[in-house]
Amino acid sequence: MPRADRRVLIVAYYFPPMGLSGVQRIARFVKYLPEFGWQPEVLTVDPAGYFAYDASLLDELVDRGIPIHRTTSFDPTRLFGKSAQVALPAETSRRRLTALSSWLFVPDNKIGWLPAAVRHGKRLLAEKRFDAVLATVPPYTGALIGRKLARHAGIPLALDFRDDWVGNPRHVYPTPLHRRLHLLLERRALDAAGAVFTINPRIRDALRARHAGAVPADRFAVLPQGYDAEDFARPPAQRLDGRCRFVYSGVFYDRQKPDYFLRALARVVTDHPDLRDRVEAGFVGLLPGYVAGLVQSLGIEDLVVPTGYLPHPDAVGHLMAADVLWMTVGSGPGQEQISTSKLYEYMGTDKPILGLVPEGAARDALREDAAAVVVAPEDVAGIALAMERLIRQHVTNALPQVERSLRSRFERKSLTAELAGRLDRLV
């Protein structure tokens, strides 16, 4: 392993032991950066109320000696106590809370982290030589923190966008003034950044278009989501049957719902009773509370197997034991920007993927994959037809085959090498 000659301060609110997909990208960059000449140190929070925790993700970084600096934060998650796991709110409650939060906090309800993060970050910058600051967003407060710290130290700033900011389809702007404030903060952050990374071209193009003429276009680059090949060098979870197992990993929220998949599953076994003993649907992660009632009303309790949230290594074991992995992105304004991290995690398994996605970034990625089947997210009849075909292919050992060279582009170590190269050019 080459010696790390340069040091980068990484600003990341969502970081292990917090779980779920929001932490995976930056945690893997942190894991592999030392192999490419960059020593990362992480500035994050003492975790409080959150939906899931995964100590295995943190242990991996601690074992590698990555310095992790934690601060307090005055944000709503503190109401739940330290490291408290909270239930996912119902969608109606989530929307109300989002609307209230949008009125009260700009750019987001993590703005209470900024004073402590800047104070602690300045101490770190005074104690050691850092060559760059990399802030990952959301929360967009992280971009403000990164900007302040980079300006204070006189070193370059890089921003990593997992979602769009002003154009985020899940954002609510109560008044035109709120939107203008977000746009101003977004402009200041982009103007201060020497490099801006996005997870897909759709987000890159949206950011670039909003600030055309003010922020040079060559600052923007796409670093897609990916998978860590080391995660898949483990045995799959045990299975005792020959059913075609469809697996979903992660959470559902906003327009991403399991409803249409479940209705399609019910249609398949109703229209084709011979397939009832040939199919199973596994859910690895957190399910909305209403799903149990929906499953019962559809009469498919015997086909649905929820595991609850699992540590990442165990979740990967279930992905490896699947026959088909499926994902969904709902239809609606702005959904074309969404390319969930689970899509790229799925690619690491060499399994076929059933994508219930609209036109946009996720469908663009799936179109290139020979082992992907794509259907509109609310097309129950189309989903049922695709499922039936996949089940019958499984029966005859004829499921679509993966073209490994296409998927290998998204391996996390390779993506980290590209990130390191861009940081090299930045400094």
Protein backbone atom coordinates (compact mmCIF):
# COMPACT_ATOMS: atom_id res chain seq x y z
CA MET A 1 0.00 0.00 0.00
CA PRO A 2 1.53 3.34 -1.02
CA ARG A 3 2.22 5.96 1.62
CA ALA A 4 -0.56 8.57 1.99
CA ASP A 5 1.15 11.85 1.06
CA ARG A 6 -1.91 14.09 1.24
CA ARG A 7 -4.65 14.57 3.80
CA VAL A 8 -8.33 15.40 3.14
CA LEU A 9 -10.87 16.52 5.74
CA ILE A 10 -14.20 14.87 4.94
CA VAL A 11 -17.39 16.56 6.18
CA ALA A 12 -20.20 14.00 6.45
CA TYR A 13 -23.22 14.18 8.72
CA TYR A 14 -24.45 10.72 7.71
CA PHE A 15 -21.66 8.36 8.65
CA PRO A 16 -21.33 4.98 10.39
CA PRO A 17 -22.54 3.72 12.79
CA MET A 18 -25.59 5.20 11.09
CA GLY A 19 -26.84 2.71 8.56
CA LEU A 20 -28.90 2.78 5.35
CA SER A 21 -27.74 3.81 1.92
CA GLY A 22 -26.83 7.44 2.69
CA VAL A 23 -23.60 6.43 4.46
CA GLN A 24 -22.31 3.79 2.05
CA ARG A 25 -20.80 6.02 -0.61
CA ILE A 26 -18.66 8.21 1.62
CA ALA A 27 -17.72 5.31 3.94
CA ARG A 28 -16.30 3.38 0.96
CA PHE A 29 -14.41 6.41 -0.33
CA VAL A 30 -12.90 6.80 3.14
CA LYS A 31 -12.02 3.10 3.20
CA TYR A 32 -10.04 3.14 -0.05
CA LEU A 33 -8.57 6.66 -0.30
CA PRO A 34 -5.36 5.72 1.59
CA GLU A 35 -4.54 3.24 -1.17
CA PHE A 36 -4.36 6.15 -3.61
CA GLY A 37 -2.21 8.60 -1.68
CA TRP A 38 -4.86 10.37 0.39
CA GLN A 39 -5.30 10.04 4.15
CA PRO A 40 -8.90 10.90 5.08
CA GLU A 41 -10.02 12.27 8.41
CA VAL A 42 -13.77 12.47 8.99
CA LEU A 43 -15.69 15.27 10.67
CA THR A 44 -19.15 14.00 11.65
CA VAL A 45 -21.66 13.98 14.52
CA ASP A 46 -22.32 11.98 17.64
CA PRO A 47 -25.23 9.91 16.34
CA ALA A 48 -28.64 10.51 17.87
CA GLY A 49 -32.11 9.47 16.71
CA TYR A 50 -31.92 7.60 13.41
CA PHE A 51 -33.75 4.87 11.55
CA ALA A 52 -31.00 2.23 11.54
CA TYR A 53 -27.53 1.59 12.92
CA ASP A 54 -24.85 -0.73 11.58
CA ALA A 55 -21.73 -1.13 13.71
CA SER A 56 -20.07 -3.34 11.08
CA LEU A 57 -19.64 -0.35 8.77
CA LEU A 58 -17.84 1.59 11.49
CA ASP A 59 -15.71 -1.35 12.64
CA GLU A 60 -14.28 -1.70 9.16
CA LEU A 61 -12.99 1.88 9.21
CA VAL A 62 -11.78 1.81 12.80
CA ASP A 63 -9.77 -1.33 12.03
CA ARG A 64 -8.04 0.61 9.24
CA GLY A 65 -7.09 3.42 11.62
CA ILE A 66 -9.22 6.12 9.98
CA PRO A 67 -9.44 9.15 12.33
CA ILE A 68 -13.10 10.02 12.98
CA HIS A 69 -13.91 13.26 14.82
CA ARG A 70 -17.40 13.66 16.28
CA THR A 71 -19.15 16.80 17.45
CA THR A 72 -22.44 17.73 19.04
CA SER A 73 -25.29 19.03 16.90
CA PHE A 74 -28.42 20.97 17.78
CA ASP A 75 -30.88 19.42 15.36
CA PRO A 76 -34.22 17.59 15.74
CA THR A 77 -32.60 14.14 15.91
CA ARG A 78 -31.30 15.07 19.38
CA LEU A 79 -34.86 14.85 20.70
CA PHE A 80 -34.64 11.05 20.55
CA GLY A 81 -31.51 10.70 22.68
CA LYS A 82 -28.07 9.38 21.84
CA SER A 83 -27.90 6.53 19.31
CA ALA A 84 -31.65 5.96 19.60
CA GLN A 85 -33.23 3.95 16.80
CA VAL A 86 -36.54 5.45 15.73
CA ALA A 87 -39.28 4.06 13.53
CA LEU A 88 -39.80 5.29 10.00
CA PRO A 89 -42.73 7.74 10.03
CA ALA A 90 -45.81 7.06 7.96
CA GLU A 91 -45.72 8.86 4.62
CA THR A 92 -48.37 11.41 5.62
CA SER A 93 -46.45 12.23 8.80
CA ARG A 94 -43.17 12.44 6.87
CA ARG A 95 -44.67 14.95 4.46
CA ARG A 96 -46.02 17.11 7.28
CA LEU A 97 -42.68 17.06 9.10
CA THR A 98 -40.86 17.89 5.86
CA ALA A 99 -43.16 20.84 5.22
CA LEU A 100 -42.69 22.16 8.76
CA SER A 101 -38.93 21.68 8.58
CA SER A 102 -38.81 23.54 5.26
CA TRP A 103 -40.48 26.55 6.85
CA LEU A 104 -38.17 26.65 9.86
CA PHE A 105 -34.73 25.61 8.58
CA VAL A 106 -32.60 26.72 5.62
CA PRO A 107 -30.99 24.83 4.01
CA ASP A 108 -32.17 21.90 6.18
CA ASN A 109 -32.82 20.85 9.75
CA LYS A 110 -29.14 19.96 10.26
CA ILE A 111 -28.15 23.64 10.28
CA GLY A 112 -27.72 23.30 14.05
CA TRP A 113 -24.64 21.17 13.35
CA LEU A 114 -22.81 24.06 11.65
CA PRO A 115 -21.44 25.96 14.70
CA ALA A 116 -19.94 22.88 16.38
CA ALA A 117 -18.65 21.43 13.11
CA VAL A 118 -16.94 24.67 12.06
CA ARG A 119 -15.45 25.17 15.50
CA HIS A 120 -14.08 21.62 15.67
CA GLY A 121 -12.98 21.70 12.04
CA LYS A 122 -10.94 24.85 12.59
CA ARG A 123 -9.15 23.16 15.49
CA LEU A 124 -8.27 20.21 13.29
CA LEU A 125 -7.03 22.51 10.53
CA ALA A 126 -4.83 24.33 13.04
CA GLU A 127 -3.34 21.10 14.40
CA LYS A 128 -2.50 19.38 11.09
CA ARG A 129 -1.83 20.18 7.48
CA PHE A 130 -4.78 19.32 5.25
CA ASP A 131 -4.63 19.62 1.48
CA ALA A 132 -8.37 19.68 0.71
CA VAL A 133 -11.86 19.56 2.18
CA LEU A 134 -14.47 17.18 0.75
CA ALA A 135 -18.09 17.69 1.86
CA THR A 136 -20.79 15.19 1.01
CA VAL A 137 -24.42 16.33 0.72
CA PRO A 138 -27.20 16.05 1.71
CA PRO A 139 -27.62 17.45 4.28
CA TYR A 140 -26.79 20.66 2.43
CA THR A 141 -25.58 22.14 5.68
CA GLY A 142 -22.47 20.03 4.99
CA ALA A 143 -21.69 22.18 1.94
CA LEU A 144 -21.85 25.34 4.07
CA ILE A 145 -19.52 23.80 6.65
CA GLY A 146 -17.10 22.66 3.96
CA ARG A 147 -17.07 26.11 2.38
CA LYS A 148 -16.31 27.85 5.68
CA LEU A 149 -13.52 25.42 6.60
CA ALA A 150 -11.86 25.48 3.17
CA ARG A 151 -11.91 29.31 3.10
CA HIS A 152 -10.54 29.47 6.64
CA ALA A 153 -7.60 27.20 5.77
CA GLY A 154 -7.07 28.52 2.25
CA ILE A 155 -7.32 25.03 0.73
CA PRO A 156 -9.48 23.65 -2.10
CA LEU A 157 -13.05 22.48 -1.55
CA ALA A 158 -14.71 19.55 -3.31
CA LEU A 159 -18.44 18.83 -3.05
CA ASP A 160 -20.07 15.44 -3.54
CA PHE A 161 -23.79 15.50 -4.38
CA ARG A 162 -25.79 12.33 -3.77
CA ASP A 163 -28.94 14.33 -4.61
CA ASP A 164 -29.66 17.58 -6.36
CA TRP A 165 -30.11 20.60 -4.10
CA VAL A 166 -32.54 23.24 -5.35
CA GLY A 167 -33.96 20.84 -7.93
CA ASN A 168 -34.39 17.94 -5.51
CA PRO A 169 -37.87 16.47 -6.20
CA ARG A 170 -38.37 15.83 -2.49
CA HIS A 171 -37.78 19.44 -1.48
CA VAL A 172 -40.61 21.70 -0.39
CA TYR A 173 -40.23 25.46 -0.76
CA PRO A 174 -42.96 27.15 1.29
CA THR A 175 -42.44 30.55 -0.39
CA PRO A 176 -40.47 31.95 -3.34
CA LEU A 177 -38.18 33.57 -0.77
CA HIS A 178 -37.26 30.15 0.62
CA ARG A 179 -36.32 28.93 -2.83
CA ARG A 180 -34.24 32.05 -3.52
CA LEU A 181 -32.34 31.53 -0.27
CA HIS A 182 -31.58 27.93 -1.24
CA LEU A 183 -30.49 29.04 -4.70
CA LEU A 184 -28.18 31.68 -3.18
CA LEU A 185 -26.59 29.14 -0.81
CA GLU A 186 -26.23 26.63 -3.62
CA ARG A 187 -24.51 29.26 -5.80
CA ARG A 188 -22.10 30.25 -3.00
CA ALA A 189 -21.18 26.62 -2.34
CA LEU A 190 -20.61 25.80 -6.01
CA ASP A 191 -18.66 29.00 -6.54
CA ALA A 192 -16.33 28.10 -3.65
CA ALA A 193 -15.79 24.52 -4.86
CA GLY A 194 -12.95 23.68 -7.18
CA ALA A 195 -14.56 20.32 -8.00
CA VAL A 196 -18.20 19.16 -7.88
CA PHE A 197 -19.05 15.46 -8.11
CA THR A 198 -22.54 14.07 -8.74
CA ILE A 199 -23.82 10.50 -8.79
CA ASN A 200 -25.34 10.75 -12.27
CA PRO A 201 -25.42 13.02 -15.34
CA ARG A 202 -28.96 14.21 -14.64
CA ILE A 203 -27.96 15.88 -11.36
CA ARG A 204 -24.75 17.23 -12.91
CA ASP A 205 -26.67 18.80 -15.79
CA ALA A 206 -29.29 20.34 -13.48
CA LEU A 207 -26.67 21.96 -11.24
CA ARG A 208 -24.66 23.15 -14.21
CA ALA A 209 -27.71 24.62 -15.98
CA ARG A 210 -28.90 26.59 -12.95
CA HIS A 211 -25.51 28.27 -12.64
CA ALA A 212 -24.45 28.50 -16.27
CA GLY A 213 -22.13 31.45 -16.79
CA ALA A 214 -21.45 31.77 -13.06
CA VAL A 215 -19.81 28.42 -12.27
CA PRO A 216 -17.45 26.93 -14.89
CA ALA A 217 -18.88 23.78 -16.48
CA ASP A 218 -15.58 21.92 -16.21
CA ARG A 219 -15.81 21.86 -12.41
CA PHE A 220 -18.54 19.23 -12.62
CA ALA A 221 -17.89 15.51 -12.97
CA VAL A 222 -19.92 12.33 -12.53
CA LEU A 223 -18.71 9.79 -9.98
CA PRO A 224 -21.49 7.18 -9.99
CA GLN A 225 -22.68 5.12 -7.09
CA GLY A 226 -21.00 1.74 -6.81
CA TYR A 227 -20.47 -1.51 -4.97
CA ASP A 228 -17.61 -2.85 -2.88
CA ALA A 229 -16.34 -6.11 -4.38
CA GLU A 230 -15.04 -7.19 -0.96
CA ASP A 231 -18.63 -7.31 0.32
CA PHE A 232 -19.53 -10.10 -2.07
CA ALA A 233 -16.68 -12.45 -1.24
CA ARG A 234 -18.83 -14.15 1.37
CA PRO A 235 -21.24 -17.11 1.26
CA PRO A 236 -24.92 -16.40 0.57
CA ALA A 237 -27.60 -16.84 3.19
CA GLN A 238 -28.93 -20.38 3.52
CA ARG A 239 -31.87 -21.43 1.39
CA LEU A 240 -33.82 -24.66 1.62
CA ASP A 241 -36.15 -24.41 -1.37
CA GLY A 242 -36.03 -24.02 -5.12
CA ARG A 243 -38.29 -20.99 -5.40
CA CYS A 244 -37.45 -17.98 -7.52
CA ARG A 245 -36.62 -15.45 -4.83
CA PHE A 246 -37.15 -11.75 -5.60
CA VAL A 247 -35.34 -9.57 -3.04
CA TYR A 248 -35.57 -5.88 -2.24
CA SER A 249 -32.97 -4.32 0.06
CA GLY A 250 -33.43 -0.98 1.76
CA VAL A 251 -36.29 1.32 2.73
CA PHE A 252 -39.36 2.73 1.02
CA TYR A 253 -40.35 6.37 1.18
CA ASP A 254 -41.92 9.13 -0.87
CA ARG A 255 -42.84 7.71 -4.30
CA GLN A 256 -40.76 4.56 -3.81
CA LYS A 257 -43.41 2.06 -2.71
CA PRO A 258 -43.72 -1.74 -2.62
CA ASP A 259 -47.44 -1.60 -3.49
CA TYR A 260 -47.24 -2.15 -7.25
CA PHE A 261 -44.73 -4.99 -6.94
CA LEU A 262 -46.91 -6.74 -4.35
CA ARG A 263 -50.06 -6.31 -6.44
CA ALA A 264 -48.21 -7.74 -9.43
CA LEU A 265 -47.03 -10.71 -7.36
CA ALA A 266 -50.62 -11.38 -6.29
CA ARG A 267 -51.74 -11.21 -9.92
CA VAL A 268 -49.07 -13.68 -11.03
CA VAL A 269 -50.04 -16.37 -8.52
CA THR A 270 -53.76 -15.77 -9.11
CA ASP A 271 -53.51 -16.00 -12.91
CA HIS A 272 -50.92 -18.81 -12.79
CA PRO A 273 -51.60 -21.02 -9.74
CA ASP A 274 -48.83 -23.40 -10.83
CA LEU A 275 -46.30 -20.68 -9.95
CA ARG A 276 -47.40 -20.13 -6.34
CA ASP A 277 -44.91 -22.70 -5.05
CA ARG A 278 -42.24 -21.34 -7.35
CA VAL A 279 -41.89 -17.77 -6.06
CA GLU A 280 -40.99 -15.84 -2.92
CA ALA A 281 -40.47 -12.15 -2.14
CA GLY A 282 -37.82 -11.20 0.41
CA PHE A 283 -37.58 -7.74 1.97
CA VAL A 284 -34.28 -6.88 3.65
CA GLY A 285 -34.69 -3.60 5.48
CA LEU A 286 -37.47 -1.43 6.85
CA LEU A 287 -41.02 -1.81 5.55
CA PRO A 288 -43.76 0.81 5.98
CA GLY A 289 -46.29 -0.10 8.64
CA TYR A 290 -49.20 -0.50 6.21
CA VAL A 291 -47.52 -3.24 4.19
CA ALA A 292 -48.57 -6.09 6.50
CA GLY A 293 -52.23 -5.20 5.93
CA LEU A 294 -51.74 -4.90 2.19
CA VAL A 295 -50.03 -8.30 2.00
CA GLN A 296 -52.86 -9.89 3.96
CA SER A 297 -55.54 -8.29 1.79
CA LEU A 298 -53.79 -9.62 -1.32
CA GLY A 299 -53.60 -13.13 0.14
CA ILE A 300 -49.84 -13.51 -0.30
CA GLU A 301 -48.70 -13.80 3.34
CA ASP A 302 -47.06 -17.14 2.51
CA LEU A 303 -44.93 -15.55 -0.23
CA VAL A 304 -43.57 -12.47 1.56
CA VAL A 305 -40.53 -12.87 3.84
CA PRO A 306 -39.41 -9.70 5.70
CA THR A 307 -36.11 -9.85 7.60
CA GLY A 308 -36.12 -6.37 9.12
CA TYR A 309 -32.99 -4.21 9.05
CA LEU A 310 -29.77 -6.25 9.07
CA PRO A 311 -26.07 -5.36 9.42
CA HIS A 312 -24.55 -4.83 6.01
CA PRO A 313 -22.69 -8.18 5.80
CA ASP A 314 -25.91 -10.06 6.59
CA ALA A 315 -27.89 -7.98 4.11
CA VAL A 316 -25.35 -8.78 1.40
CA GLY A 317 -25.74 -12.47 2.23
CA HIS A 318 -29.43 -12.19 1.41
CA LEU A 319 -28.68 -10.37 -1.84
CA MET A 320 -26.33 -13.19 -2.81
CA ALA A 321 -29.04 -15.77 -2.02
CA ALA A 322 -31.57 -14.03 -4.29
CA ASP A 323 -32.42 -15.09 -7.81
CA VAL A 324 -33.69 -11.68 -8.93
CA LEU A 325 -33.14 -8.31 -7.24
CA TRP A 326 -35.70 -5.59 -7.73
CA MET A 327 -35.83 -1.85 -7.14
CA THR A 328 -38.27 0.98 -7.72
CA VAL A 329 -38.26 4.71 -8.37
CA GLY A 330 -41.70 6.28 -8.50
CA SER A 331 -43.01 8.46 -11.30
CA GLY A 332 -43.39 12.19 -10.90
CA PRO A 333 -41.59 15.52 -11.37
CA GLY A 334 -37.87 15.25 -10.72
CA GLN A 335 -37.83 11.47 -10.35
CA GLU A 336 -35.65 11.25 -13.46
CA GLN A 337 -32.73 12.41 -11.26
CA ILE A 338 -32.94 9.47 -8.87
CA SER A 339 -30.51 6.57 -9.26
CA THR A 340 -30.56 4.80 -5.93
CA SER A 341 -27.39 3.35 -4.44
CA LYS A 342 -29.09 -0.05 -4.19
CA LEU A 343 -29.05 -0.35 -7.99
CA TYR A 344 -25.24 -0.35 -8.01
CA GLU A 345 -25.03 -2.56 -4.93
CA TYR A 346 -27.21 -5.03 -6.82
CA MET A 347 -24.73 -4.97 -9.69
CA GLY A 348 -22.06 -6.42 -7.45
CA THR A 349 -24.05 -9.65 -7.03
CA ASP A 350 -24.08 -10.71 -10.70
CA LYS A 351 -27.85 -11.23 -10.37
CA PRO A 352 -30.61 -10.17 -12.78
CA ILE A 353 -32.30 -6.89 -11.81
CA LEU A 354 -35.98 -6.02 -12.19
CA GLY A 355 -36.15 -2.22 -12.34
CA LEU A 356 -39.52 -0.54 -11.80
CA VAL A 357 -38.35 2.89 -12.89
CA PRO A 358 -39.47 5.84 -15.04
CA GLU A 359 -37.43 7.50 -17.75
CA GLY A 360 -34.35 8.97 -16.13
CA ALA A 361 -31.00 8.18 -14.55
CA ALA A 362 -31.94 4.75 -13.15
CA ARG A 363 -33.43 3.59 -16.44
CA ASP A 364 -30.42 4.94 -18.35
CA ALA A 365 -28.12 2.75 -16.22
CA LEU A 366 -30.34 -0.33 -16.49
CA ARG A 367 -30.66 -0.05 -20.27
CA GLU A 368 -26.93 -0.84 -20.57
CA ASP A 369 -27.26 -4.00 -18.46
CA ALA A 370 -28.04 -7.20 -20.33
CA ALA A 371 -29.37 -8.83 -17.15
CA ALA A 372 -31.86 -6.05 -16.38
CA VAL A 373 -35.60 -6.01 -17.04
CA VAL A 374 -37.21 -2.58 -16.96
CA VAL A 375 -40.91 -1.79 -16.41
CA ALA A 376 -42.76 1.44 -15.60
CA PRO A 377 -43.10 1.66 -11.79
CA GLU A 378 -46.93 1.73 -11.59
CA ASP A 379 -47.64 -0.72 -14.44
CA VAL A 380 -48.99 -3.67 -12.43
CA ALA A 381 -49.82 -5.70 -15.54
CA GLY A 382 -46.37 -5.09 -17.03
CA ILE A 383 -44.64 -5.94 -13.74
CA ALA A 384 -46.67 -9.15 -13.44
CA LEU A 385 -45.74 -10.15 -17.00
CA ALA A 386 -42.04 -9.53 -16.31
CA MET A 387 -42.21 -11.49 -13.05
CA GLU A 388 -43.93 -14.45 -14.67
CA ARG A 389 -41.29 -14.55 -17.39
CA LEU A 390 -38.45 -14.42 -14.85
CA ILE A 391 -40.00 -17.15 -12.70
CA ARG A 392 -40.38 -19.47 -15.70
CA GLN A 393 -36.79 -18.69 -16.76
CA HIS A 394 -35.67 -19.62 -13.25
CA VAL A 395 -37.49 -22.95 -13.50
CA THR A 396 -35.54 -23.77 -16.68
CA ASN A 397 -32.21 -22.28 -15.46
CA ALA A 398 -32.42 -19.63 -18.18
CA LEU A 399 -32.36 -16.34 -16.22
CA PRO A 400 -30.62 -13.42 -18.00
CA GLN A 401 -26.83 -13.54 -17.80
CA VAL A 402 -24.72 -10.65 -16.54
CA GLU A 403 -22.06 -8.98 -18.68
CA ARG A 404 -19.42 -8.61 -15.98
CA SER A 405 -17.28 -6.03 -17.79
CA LEU A 406 -20.14 -3.53 -17.79
CA ARG A 407 -20.85 -3.89 -14.09
CA SER A 408 -17.19 -3.80 -13.05
CA ARG A 409 -17.08 -0.09 -13.94
CA PHE A 410 -18.95 0.61 -10.74
CA GLU A 411 -16.56 -1.11 -8.30
CA ARG A 412 -15.90 1.21 -5.34
CA LYS A 413 -12.13 0.90 -5.38
CA SER A 414 -11.98 1.98 -9.02
CA LEU A 415 -14.31 4.90 -8.33
CA THR A 416 -12.14 5.92 -5.37
CA ALA A 417 -9.08 5.88 -7.62
CA GLU A 418 -10.89 8.33 -9.90
CA LEU A 419 -11.84 10.50 -6.92
CA ALA A 420 -8.22 10.54 -5.72
CA GLY A 421 -7.02 11.51 -9.18
CA ARG A 422 -9.44 14.44 -9.29
CA LEU A 423 -8.35 15.55 -5.82
CA ASP A 424 -4.74 15.39 -7.02
CA ARG A 425 -5.59 17.74 -9.88
CA LEU A 426 -7.56 19.99 -7.55
CA VAL A 427 -4.58 20.66 -5.27
